[in-house]
Amino acid sequence: MILTNIPLVDWGMGTAIIVVFGVVCTVMILVVLNMVKSDKKK
């Protein structure tokens, strides 16, 4: 019965990592879109 006390998933840390990953992806997409829109031909 010791195995029932070991959590298989740490929901707090997992949620934080998913949120950070989502924020990083959103920022990267915004940076790429900004670079595409501000691209000026010489």
Protein backbone atom coordinates (compact mmCIF):
# COMPACT_ATOMS: atom_id res chain seq x y z
CA MET A 1 0.00 0.00 0.00
CA ILE A 2 3.03 2.30 -0.05
CA LEU A 3 2.70 2.73 -3.82
CA THR A 4 -0.70 4.41 -3.46
CA ASN A 5 0.93 7.29 -1.58
CA ILE A 6 3.41 8.12 -4.36
CA PRO A 7 1.95 10.71 -6.73
CA LEU A 8 2.55 9.84 -10.38
CA VAL A 9 1.89 13.38 -11.61
CA ASP A 10 2.81 16.72 -10.05
CA TRP A 11 -0.08 18.81 -11.36
CA GLY A 12 1.22 22.09 -9.95
CA MET A 13 4.61 21.91 -11.64
CA GLY A 14 3.16 20.41 -14.83
CA THR A 15 0.63 23.21 -15.15
CA ALA A 16 3.34 25.83 -14.59
CA ILE A 17 5.56 24.29 -17.28
CA ILE A 18 2.66 24.16 -19.76
CA VAL A 19 1.79 27.82 -19.07
CA VAL A 20 5.42 28.92 -19.51
CA PHE A 21 5.68 26.90 -22.73
CA GLY A 22 2.49 28.52 -24.06
CA VAL A 23 3.74 32.03 -23.23
CA VAL A 24 7.11 31.36 -24.90
CA CYS A 25 5.41 30.01 -28.04
CA THR A 26 3.07 33.01 -28.19
CA VAL A 27 5.96 35.47 -27.83
CA MET A 28 7.96 33.68 -30.53
CA ILE A 29 4.98 33.77 -32.93
CA LEU A 30 4.48 37.48 -32.27
CA VAL A 31 8.17 38.20 -32.88
CA VAL A 32 8.13 36.29 -36.18
CA LEU A 33 4.95 38.05 -37.34
CA ASN A 34 6.45 41.42 -36.38
CA MET A 35 9.60 40.63 -38.38
CA VAL A 36 7.53 39.59 -41.42
CA LYS A 37 5.38 42.72 -41.31
CA SER A 38 8.31 45.10 -40.82
CA ASP A 39 10.39 43.52 -43.61
CA LYS A 40 11.19 46.33 -46.04
CA LYS A 41 12.58 45.79 -49.49
CA LYS A 42 15.59 47.93 -50.33
